[in-house]
């Protein structure tokens, strides 16, 4: 069961318009900037309703939720948005909130000035890119070498330039804060990119409950999830900068959409598959004949260092997978013997071989970390002509060993207005895929955070198509948030062959309209549904043919097209005359 967030903050008034300010804000509800954006978007909604001949004064706040699901979700999200636009419903959407793979589509659209103006063009570009473009090793390596210069480098940086770039065939250097120009005018749905603070969720502290973390064009932070629990935010432009006691200590450049994609979409497979995938990509960077590799082997210690890279990678991987790494230590020792630069590392390797069976797992991890530090000595790295390349390898090996993801400077570190001393005492946040909690962003659009009246939930999950609904119902019950009744037994019966549309309503609750991606309407049978799930698995590095992409786009579009009248009827029922 997913638990609600209950992080105690002190409360301040709503923030003033920040214009890039580094001010931290602790407040209830949404920001003034978002209020203005939603008001302006409301005018667009009214215009869309009046085109239908309706003389109304106010339209409902409608949120579209697009779930996680890797590249499958990326493509399906594009299909949903294209069809919503085609049938005239997209202009009635106030919020677009995404998790994991769907944020890949969102980031691509929001990074373009005309991304939402011509969704047919965007769809064709997606198809072209997935078939014609490719993952470029040199581009990925250059990006990683730049990222490794940051003190908050983690496996998320590596994931961004390896897996996410490999799957999407796209790197985006635009920033979320740049969307303000469109969002504040209401020309596009207000975007919410969803993650979680994994350190809080993982139970590092007893009784710490699930911490949702949102990214919007204006503010980034822990949202308000209850009438008595304010949220804590920092300007989007300053997320990642270093703060202490509420004061800006070191400003860092805002992370781009490519990094945000990796933060949001970092849990695409089980840990063993993820470990193997990281290892395989690291091997490419070690063995590929790059400019950095050629320059490295020309240095005095370069050849030896190059020769032991594979062993270091295998050492960390074998440790992480609970294997016997003693043979790897022996191989490392033989390669370092006689080399003065690696004498300390060789001595430590000997000690590790003698003590390997008598040390705890934490002690073994510490010894491997010390070995990495002795091999990647600061003087060797800093004096090297490929310093950034060595920093990239060293930091990636180290993060691989400690399994560190989403490292971000904690903007409320030692901040006096935060009553929760645990949260204020952490230098870093560790942001990860929100699918680890709930694979859809319900907690960020439900009252009282945002006054959503209608939720269109497009579920692209690989497993149970109703898991997000059931998990959210439990979450809301624990949080005392109004949510419609959910008949779990009935949903369990239909899970293998769901319909294309479900509606959940209750007294004083939002209307939930839920759309499973693969269903008996667009697939025709349980057998075809099962085949679709096999074809479009979440972790699919081989990519899809254009025919497969088109089929997935069509399936997702059909769920909108076949139910547009039902959607419109609920929108009309919620309008104010």
Foldseek 3Di string as FASTA:
>chain_A
DAAAADFAFFADDADDQAPPNFFKHWHAFDHPLLVLLLVLLQVLLVVLVVVVVDDFDTFFAEEEWQFAFACLSLLLLLLQLVLCVVVSNQSNYAEYEYFARVLVNVQVQLLDPCSSVDSVVVNVVQLCLLVPAAQDPVVLLVQLLVLLVDPQDFVLSVCLSAVNCHFRVDDFQAAQLVSSVVSSNSVHHWYKYKWWQCCQPVCVDPPRHTFIWIDTNFWTWGCDQAPNHTIMITGQQQWQFAAAQRDGDGGDGRGHSSSSNSLRHVPLDDPLVVLVSSLVVVVCLLPPPDPLLVQQCVDPCSVLLSVLLNLLSVQLSCLVVVHDSLVSLVVNLVSCPPPVLCPVLNVLSVVCNVCVVPDDSVVNLVSSLVSLCSSLPPVCLVPGPSNSSSSSSSNHSNNSNVVAAQWGAQSLQNHPRRPRVVSNPDRTTHIHGCVVRARIDVSCCFPPNHPGQEYEYEAADLAFLCRNVVSVVVNCVSSVTDDFDDDVVVSVVCRLAHAQWDWGDDPPGHIYIYGYQDHCVLQVDSVSSVVLSVVSHSRDSVGDNSVNSVSSSVSSSCSCVVCVVVVVVVRVVRTHD
